[in-house]
Amino acid sequence: MSSLPELQALIQEKYGLDPSQLDPNASMAQSGIDSLALVEFLFAVEDHYGIKLPEEDSQVDSLAALALVVDKVRASQAA
C-alpha cells in the first residue's frame, strides 16, 4: 500500500495545502514548498513513520517520489 495518501494528509496538516490541488508528480517547489520547508517536511516524514530516509534519497522533489522512498524503507524494515 502506497504511503502517498498519508504524505498528502501530512503536507496538508503542515502547510495547509489541499491534496486535491497537488500534482503528486510535480516538484514540491511548484506547490510552494521551498527548499528549507522541504527539509523540514522530510524530518516530519521521518518522525511520522519512525524511519530514517537514506541520504541518497534526500533529494526527492515530488510527493510521488517521496512515497516510493518511504514505501521502500518501510518494506525493508518489515523484512
PDB file of N, CA and C in Angstrom:
ATOM      1  N   MET A   1       0.843  -1.178   0.000  1.00  0.00           N
ATOM      2  CA  MET A   1       0.000   0.000   0.000  1.00  0.00           C
ATOM      3  C   MET A   1       0.893   1.248   0.000  1.00  0.00           C
ATOM      4  N   SER A   2       0.563   2.169  -0.861  1.00  0.00           N
ATOM      5  CA  SER A   2       1.358   3.381  -1.001  1.00  0.00           C
ATOM      6  C   SER A   2       1.151   4.330   0.177  1.00  0.00           C
ATOM      7  N   SER A   3       2.218   4.988   0.545  1.00  0.00           N
ATOM      8  CA  SER A   3       2.146   5.971   1.618  1.00  0.00           C
ATOM      9  C   SER A   3       1.721   7.344   1.097  1.00  0.00           C
ATOM     10  N   LEU A   4       1.438   7.453  -0.197  1.00  0.00           N
ATOM     11  CA  LEU A   4       1.096   8.745  -0.793  1.00  0.00           C
ATOM     12  C   LEU A   4      -0.089   9.431  -0.106  1.00  0.00           C
ATOM     13  N   PRO A   5      -1.202   8.743   0.166  1.00  0.00           N
ATOM     14  CA  PRO A   5      -2.311   9.439   0.840  1.00  0.00           C
ATOM     15  C   PRO A   5      -1.927  10.010   2.209  1.00  0.00           C
ATOM     16  N   GLU A   6      -1.122   9.269   2.963  1.00  0.00           N
ATOM     17  CA  GLU A   6      -0.676   9.771   4.270  1.00  0.00           C
ATOM     18  C   GLU A   6       0.247  10.979   4.113  1.00  0.00           C
ATOM     19  N   LEU A   7       1.108  10.936   3.107  1.00  0.00           N
ATOM     20  CA  LEU A   7       2.002  12.068   2.859  1.00  0.00           C
ATOM     21  C   LEU A   7       1.203  13.301   2.445  1.00  0.00           C
ATOM     22  N   GLN A   8       0.165  13.085   1.640  1.00  0.00           N
ATOM     23  CA  GLN A   8      -0.690  14.204   1.245  1.00  0.00           C
ATOM     24  C   GLN A   8      -1.392  14.801   2.458  1.00  0.00           C
ATOM     25  N   ALA A   9      -1.862  13.950   3.359  1.00  0.00           N
ATOM     26  CA  ALA A   9      -2.512  14.442   4.578  1.00  0.00           C
ATOM     27  C   ALA A   9      -1.510  15.191   5.452  1.00  0.00           C
ATOM     28  N   LEU A  10      -0.284  14.697   5.526  1.00  0.00           N
ATOM     29  CA  LEU A  10       0.746  15.343   6.332  1.00  0.00           C
ATOM     30  C   LEU A  10       1.118  16.714   5.758  1.00  0.00           C
ATOM     31  N   ILE A  11       1.200  16.797   4.454  1.00  0.00           N
ATOM     32  CA  ILE A  11       1.544  18.084   3.848  1.00  0.00           C
ATOM     33  C   ILE A  11       0.395  19.084   4.008  1.00  0.00           C
ATOM     34  N   GLN A  12      -0.824  18.576   4.017  1.00  0.00           N
ATOM     35  CA  GLN A  12      -1.967  19.458   4.263  1.00  0.00           C
ATOM     36  C   GLN A  12      -1.936  19.964   5.704  1.00  0.00           C
ATOM     37  N   GLU A  13      -1.641  19.071   6.630  1.00  0.00           N
ATOM     38  CA  GLU A  13      -1.577  19.434   8.045  1.00  0.00           C
ATOM     39  C   GLU A  13      -0.482  20.477   8.310  1.00  0.00           C
ATOM     40  N   LYS A  14       0.703  20.272   7.719  1.00  0.00           N
ATOM     41  CA  LYS A  14       1.837  21.160   7.987  1.00  0.00           C
ATOM     42  C   LYS A  14       1.768  22.486   7.235  1.00  0.00           C
ATOM     43  N   TYR A  15       1.256  22.455   6.000  1.00  0.00           N
ATOM     44  CA  TYR A  15       1.335  23.649   5.157  1.00  0.00           C
ATOM     45  C   TYR A  15      -0.013  24.153   4.659  1.00  0.00           C
ATOM     46  N   GLY A  16      -1.091  23.476   5.022  1.00  0.00           N
ATOM     47  CA  GLY A  16      -2.415  23.921   4.612  1.00  0.00           C
ATOM     48  C   GLY A  16      -2.677  23.779   3.124  1.00  0.00           C
ATOM     49  N   LEU A  17      -1.918  22.916   2.453  1.00  0.00           N
ATOM     50  CA  LEU A  17      -2.107  22.712   1.021  1.00  0.00           C
ATOM     51  C   LEU A  17      -3.129  21.608   0.788  1.00  0.00           C
ATOM     52  N   ASP A  18      -4.121  21.892  -0.016  1.00  0.00           N
ATOM     53  CA  ASP A  18      -5.175  20.934  -0.321  1.00  0.00           C
ATOM     54  C   ASP A  18      -4.611  19.823  -1.204  1.00  0.00           C
ATOM     55  N   PRO A  19      -4.625  18.572  -0.742  1.00  0.00           N
ATOM     56  CA  PRO A  19      -4.065  17.469  -1.530  1.00  0.00           C
ATOM     57  C   PRO A  19      -4.682  17.326  -2.914  1.00  0.00           C
ATOM     58  N   SER A  20      -5.954  17.681  -3.061  1.00  0.00           N
ATOM     59  CA  SER A  20      -6.584  17.554  -4.375  1.00  0.00           C
ATOM     60  C   SER A  20      -6.017  18.572  -5.369  1.00  0.00           C
ATOM     61  N   GLN A  21      -5.361  19.602  -4.850  1.00  0.00           N
ATOM     62  CA  GLN A  21      -4.766  20.616  -5.717  1.00  0.00           C
ATOM     63  C   GLN A  21      -3.288  20.339  -6.011  1.00  0.00           C
ATOM     64  N   LEU A  22      -2.739  19.287  -5.407  1.00  0.00           N
ATOM     65  CA  LEU A  22      -1.322  18.957  -5.590  1.00  0.00           C
ATOM     66  C   LEU A  22      -1.153  17.841  -6.607  1.00  0.00           C
ATOM     67  N   ASP A  23      -0.294  18.059  -7.571  1.00  0.00           N
ATOM     68  CA  ASP A  23       0.077  17.000  -8.504  1.00  0.00           C
ATOM     69  C   ASP A  23       1.187  16.202  -7.833  1.00  0.00           C
ATOM     70  N   PRO A  24       0.948  14.932  -7.507  1.00  0.00           N
ATOM     71  CA  PRO A  24       1.963  14.145  -6.795  1.00  0.00           C
ATOM     72  C   PRO A  24       3.279  14.016  -7.556  1.00  0.00           C
ATOM     73  N   ASN A  25       3.229  14.198  -8.881  1.00  0.00           N
ATOM     74  CA  ASN A  25       4.439  14.058  -9.695  1.00  0.00           C
ATOM     75  C   ASN A  25       5.147  15.382  -9.944  1.00  0.00           C
ATOM     76  N   ALA A  26       4.545  16.475  -9.522  1.00  0.00           N
ATOM     77  CA  ALA A  26       5.147  17.792  -9.722  1.00  0.00           C
ATOM     78  C   ALA A  26       6.159  18.073  -8.614  1.00  0.00           C
ATOM     79  N   SER A  27       7.086  18.930  -8.924  1.00  0.00           N
ATOM     80  CA  SER A  27       8.060  19.372  -7.940  1.00  0.00           C
ATOM     81  C   SER A  27       7.331  20.036  -6.770  1.00  0.00           C
ATOM     82  N   MET A  28       7.779  19.749  -5.557  1.00  0.00           N
ATOM     83  CA  MET A  28       7.146  20.370  -4.397  1.00  0.00           C
ATOM     84  C   MET A  28       7.377  21.879  -4.401  1.00  0.00           C
ATOM     85  N   ALA A  29       8.448  22.330  -5.042  1.00  0.00           N
ATOM     86  CA  ALA A  29       8.686  23.768  -5.163  1.00  0.00           C
ATOM     87  C   ALA A  29       7.559  24.425  -5.961  1.00  0.00           C
ATOM     88  N   GLN A  30       7.029  23.723  -6.946  1.00  0.00           N
ATOM     89  CA  GLN A  30       5.902  24.242  -7.723  1.00  0.00           C
ATOM     90  C   GLN A  30       4.651  24.364  -6.873  1.00  0.00           C
ATOM     91  N   SER A  31       4.597  23.632  -5.789  1.00  0.00           N
ATOM     92  CA  SER A  31       3.456  23.679  -4.881  1.00  0.00           C
ATOM     93  C   SER A  31       3.643  24.726  -3.792  1.00  0.00           C
ATOM     94  N   GLY A  32       4.758  25.440  -3.841  1.00  0.00           N
ATOM     95  CA  GLY A  32       5.008  26.497  -2.872  1.00  0.00           C
ATOM     96  C   GLY A  32       5.837  26.077  -1.680  1.00  0.00           C
ATOM     97  N   ILE A  33       6.474  24.918  -1.767  1.00  0.00           N
ATOM     98  CA  ILE A  33       7.315  24.436  -0.666  1.00  0.00           C
ATOM     99  C   ILE A  33       8.768  24.693  -1.038  1.00  0.00           C
ATOM    100  N   ASP A  34       9.385  25.644  -0.355  1.00  0.00           N
ATOM    101  CA  ASP A  34      10.775  25.969  -0.672  1.00  0.00           C
ATOM    102  C   ASP A  34      11.711  24.913  -0.100  1.00  0.00           C
ATOM    103  N   SER A  35      13.001  25.055  -0.391  1.00  0.00           N
ATOM    104  CA  SER A  35      13.968  24.022  -0.003  1.00  0.00           C
ATOM    105  C   SER A  35      14.066  23.851   1.512  1.00  0.00           C
ATOM    106  N   LEU A  36      13.959  24.936   2.263  1.00  0.00           N
ATOM    107  CA  LEU A  36      14.005  24.824   3.719  1.00  0.00           C
ATOM    108  C   LEU A  36      12.769  24.097   4.243  1.00  0.00           C
ATOM    109  N   ALA A  37      11.613  24.435   3.718  1.00  0.00           N
ATOM    110  CA  ALA A  37      10.381  23.767   4.128  1.00  0.00           C
ATOM    111  C   ALA A  37      10.407  22.294   3.728  1.00  0.00           C
ATOM    112  N   LEU A  38      11.037  21.983   2.596  1.00  0.00           N
ATOM    113  CA  LEU A  38      11.136  20.593   2.157  1.00  0.00           C
ATOM    114  C   LEU A  38      11.972  19.783   3.142  1.00  0.00           C
ATOM    115  N   VAL A  39      13.089  20.341   3.581  1.00  0.00           N
ATOM    116  CA  VAL A  39      13.930  19.650   4.563  1.00  0.00           C
ATOM    117  C   VAL A  39      13.134  19.424   5.852  1.00  0.00           C
ATOM    118  N   GLU A  40      12.419  20.446   6.281  1.00  0.00           N
ATOM    119  CA  GLU A  40      11.581  20.323   7.474  1.00  0.00           C
ATOM    120  C   GLU A  40      10.521  19.239   7.282  1.00  0.00           C
ATOM    121  N   PHE A  41       9.932  19.186   6.088  1.00  0.00           N
ATOM    122  CA  PHE A  41       8.918  18.172   5.797  1.00  0.00           C
ATOM    123  C   PHE A  41       9.517  16.772   5.824  1.00  0.00           C
ATOM    124  N   LEU A  42      10.738  16.616   5.301  1.00  0.00           N
ATOM    125  CA  LEU A  42      11.385  15.303   5.318  1.00  0.00           C
ATOM    126  C   LEU A  42      11.620  14.832   6.753  1.00  0.00           C
ATOM    127  N   PHE A  43      12.005  15.754   7.642  1.00  0.00           N
ATOM    128  CA  PHE A  43      12.148  15.384   9.052  1.00  0.00           C
ATOM    129  C   PHE A  43      10.802  14.979   9.645  1.00  0.00           C
ATOM    130  N   ALA A  44       9.746  15.687   9.274  1.00  0.00           N
ATOM    131  CA  ALA A  44       8.409  15.350   9.767  1.00  0.00           C
ATOM    132  C   ALA A  44       7.985  13.972   9.272  1.00  0.00           C
ATOM    133  N   VAL A  45       8.347  13.643   8.037  1.00  0.00           N
ATOM    134  CA  VAL A  45       8.036  12.325   7.479  1.00  0.00           C
ATOM    135  C   VAL A  45       8.778  11.244   8.265  1.00  0.00           C
ATOM    136  N   GLU A  46      10.049  11.484   8.548  1.00  0.00           N
ATOM    137  CA  GLU A  46      10.813  10.517   9.331  1.00  0.00           C
ATOM    138  C   GLU A  46      10.185  10.309  10.709  1.00  0.00           C
ATOM    139  N   ASP A  47       9.799  11.396  11.350  1.00  0.00           N
ATOM    140  CA  ASP A  47       9.160  11.291  12.668  1.00  0.00           C
ATOM    141  C   ASP A  47       7.822  10.567  12.579  1.00  0.00           C
ATOM    142  N   HIS A  48       7.041  10.897  11.568  1.00  0.00           N
ATOM    143  CA  HIS A  48       5.712  10.307  11.400  1.00  0.00           C
ATOM    144  C   HIS A  48       5.783   8.790  11.248  1.00  0.00           C
ATOM    145  N   TYR A  49       6.726   8.334  10.440  1.00  0.00           N
ATOM    146  CA  TYR A  49       6.835   6.899  10.155  1.00  0.00           C
ATOM    147  C   TYR A  49       7.846   6.174  11.044  1.00  0.00           C
ATOM    148  N   GLY A  50       8.622   6.922  11.817  1.00  0.00           N
ATOM    149  CA  GLY A  50       9.639   6.290  12.651  1.00  0.00           C
ATOM    150  C   GLY A  50      10.735   5.649  11.820  1.00  0.00           C
ATOM    151  N   ILE A  51      11.109   6.329  10.739  1.00  0.00           N
ATOM    152  CA  ILE A  51      12.130   5.799   9.835  1.00  0.00           C
ATOM    153  C   ILE A  51      13.239   6.828   9.656  1.00  0.00           C
ATOM    154  N   LYS A  52      14.306   6.396   9.027  1.00  0.00           N
ATOM    155  CA  LYS A  52      15.394   7.283   8.623  1.00  0.00           C
ATOM    156  C   LYS A  52      15.502   7.172   7.109  1.00  0.00           C
ATOM    157  N   LEU A  53      15.299   8.295   6.416  1.00  0.00           N
ATOM    158  CA  LEU A  53      15.412   8.282   4.961  1.00  0.00           C
ATOM    159  C   LEU A  53      16.877   8.191   4.570  1.00  0.00           C
ATOM    160  N   PRO A  54      17.203   7.339   3.611  1.00  0.00           N
ATOM    161  CA  PRO A  54      18.595   7.212   3.171  1.00  0.00           C
ATOM    162  C   PRO A  54      19.113   8.534   2.618  1.00  0.00           C
ATOM    163  N   GLU A  55      20.354   8.833   2.897  1.00  0.00           N
ATOM    164  CA  GLU A  55      20.976  10.088   2.447  1.00  0.00           C
ATOM    165  C   GLU A  55      20.859  10.260   0.932  1.00  0.00           C
ATOM    166  N   GLU A  56      21.047   9.164   0.197  1.00  0.00           N
ATOM    167  CA  GLU A  56      20.996   9.257  -1.266  1.00  0.00           C
ATOM    168  C   GLU A  56      19.593   9.610  -1.785  1.00  0.00           C
ATOM    169  N   ASP A  57      18.589   9.455  -0.943  1.00  0.00           N
ATOM    170  CA  ASP A  57      17.223   9.786  -1.342  1.00  0.00           C
ATOM    171  C   ASP A  57      16.754  11.117  -0.771  1.00  0.00           C
ATOM    172  N   SER A  58      17.669  11.892  -0.228  1.00  0.00           N
ATOM    173  CA  SER A  58      17.281  13.146   0.414  1.00  0.00           C
ATOM    174  C   SER A  58      16.962  14.247  -0.586  1.00  0.00           C
ATOM    175  N   GLN A  59      17.176  13.992  -1.855  1.00  0.00           N
ATOM    176  CA  GLN A  59      16.921  14.996  -2.885  1.00  0.00           C
ATOM    177  C   GLN A  59      15.591  14.779  -3.607  1.00  0.00           C
ATOM    178  N   VAL A  60      14.709  13.969  -3.055  1.00  0.00           N
ATOM    179  CA  VAL A  60      13.411  13.756  -3.698  1.00  0.00           C
ATOM    180  C   VAL A  60      12.700  15.096  -3.814  1.00  0.00           C
ATOM    181  N   ASP A  61      11.955  15.252  -4.907  1.00  0.00           N
ATOM    182  CA  ASP A  61      11.370  16.553  -5.165  1.00  0.00           C
ATOM    183  C   ASP A  61       9.870  16.499  -5.413  1.00  0.00           C
ATOM    184  N   SER A  62       9.287  15.310  -5.381  1.00  0.00           N
ATOM    185  CA  SER A  62       7.846  15.203  -5.574  1.00  0.00           C
ATOM    186  C   SER A  62       7.270  14.267  -4.518  1.00  0.00           C
ATOM    187  N   LEU A  63       5.992  14.424  -4.263  1.00  0.00           N
ATOM    188  CA  LEU A  63       5.343  13.539  -3.283  1.00  0.00           C
ATOM    189  C   LEU A  63       5.350  12.096  -3.758  1.00  0.00           C
ATOM    190  N   ALA A  64       5.181  11.881  -5.058  1.00  0.00           N
ATOM    191  CA  ALA A  64       5.182  10.514  -5.585  1.00  0.00           C
ATOM    192  C   ALA A  64       6.541   9.851  -5.368  1.00  0.00           C
ATOM    193  N   ALA A  65       7.620  10.594  -5.632  1.00  0.00           N
ATOM    194  CA  ALA A  65       8.967  10.048  -5.424  1.00  0.00           C
ATOM    195  C   ALA A  65       9.220   9.792  -3.944  1.00  0.00           C
ATOM    196  N   LEU A  66       8.769  10.701  -3.111  1.00  0.00           N
ATOM    197  CA  LEU A  66       8.938  10.524  -1.668  1.00  0.00           C
ATOM    198  C   LEU A  66       8.158   9.307  -1.186  1.00  0.00           C
ATOM    199  N   ALA A  67       6.961   9.105  -1.712  1.00  0.00           N
ATOM    200  CA  ALA A  67       6.158   7.942  -1.332  1.00  0.00           C
ATOM    201  C   ALA A  67       6.885   6.646  -1.682  1.00  0.00           C
ATOM    202  N   LEU A  68       7.527   6.617  -2.842  1.00  0.00           N
ATOM    203  CA  LEU A  68       8.281   5.419  -3.239  1.00  0.00           C
ATOM    204  C   LEU A  68       9.429   5.146  -2.266  1.00  0.00           C
ATOM    205  N   VAL A  69      10.133   6.192  -1.870  1.00  0.00           N
ATOM    206  CA  VAL A  69      11.251   6.035  -0.930  1.00  0.00           C
ATOM    207  C   VAL A  69      10.733   5.552   0.424  1.00  0.00           C
ATOM    208  N   VAL A  70       9.681   6.178   0.922  1.00  0.00           N
ATOM    209  CA  VAL A  70       9.102   5.788   2.216  1.00  0.00           C
ATOM    210  C   VAL A  70       8.645   4.344   2.160  1.00  0.00           C
ATOM    211  N   ASP A  71       7.973   3.957   1.085  1.00  0.00           N
ATOM    212  CA  ASP A  71       7.497   2.576   0.958  1.00  0.00           C
ATOM    213  C   ASP A  71       8.658   1.588   0.928  1.00  0.00           C
ATOM    214  N   LYS A  72       9.746   1.966   0.241  1.00  0.00           N
ATOM    215  CA  LYS A  72      10.930   1.100   0.157  1.00  0.00           C
ATOM    216  C   LYS A  72      11.557   0.916   1.538  1.00  0.00           C
ATOM    217  N   VAL A  73      11.700   2.012   2.273  1.00  0.00           N
ATOM    218  CA  VAL A  73      12.310   1.943   3.602  1.00  0.00           C
ATOM    219  C   VAL A  73      11.438   1.128   4.556  1.00  0.00           C
ATOM    220  N   ARG A  74      10.134   1.373   4.506  1.00  0.00           N
ATOM    221  CA  ARG A  74       9.226   0.625   5.389  1.00  0.00           C
ATOM    222  C   ARG A  74       9.226  -0.855   5.055  1.00  0.00           C
ATOM    223  N   ALA A  75       9.289  -1.205   3.776  1.00  0.00           N
ATOM    224  CA  ALA A  75       9.324  -2.613   3.369  1.00  0.00           C
ATOM    225  C   ALA A  75      10.604  -3.288   3.833  1.00  0.00           C
ATOM    226  N   SER A  76      11.720  -2.564   3.760  1.00  0.00           N
ATOM    227  CA  SER A  76      12.981  -3.170   4.187  1.00  0.00           C
ATOM    228  C   SER A  76      13.008  -3.361   5.704  1.00  0.00           C
ATOM    229  N   GLN A  77      12.329  -2.482   6.441  1.00  0.00           N
ATOM    230  CA  GLN A  77      12.254  -2.638   7.903  1.00  0.00           C
ATOM    231  C   GLN A  77      11.340  -3.788   8.300  1.00  0.00           C
ATOM    232  N   ALA A  78      10.324  -4.038   7.488  1.00  0.00           N
ATOM    233  CA  ALA A  78       9.377  -5.109   7.798  1.00  0.00           C
ATOM    234  C   ALA A  78       9.959  -6.483   7.482  1.00  0.00           C
ATOM    235  N   ALA A  79      10.952  -6.509   6.596  1.00  0.00           N
ATOM    236  CA  ALA A  79      11.534  -7.791   6.179  1.00  0.00           C
ATOM    237  C   ALA A  79      12.442  -8.373   7.221  1.00  0.00           C
TER     238      ALA A  79
END
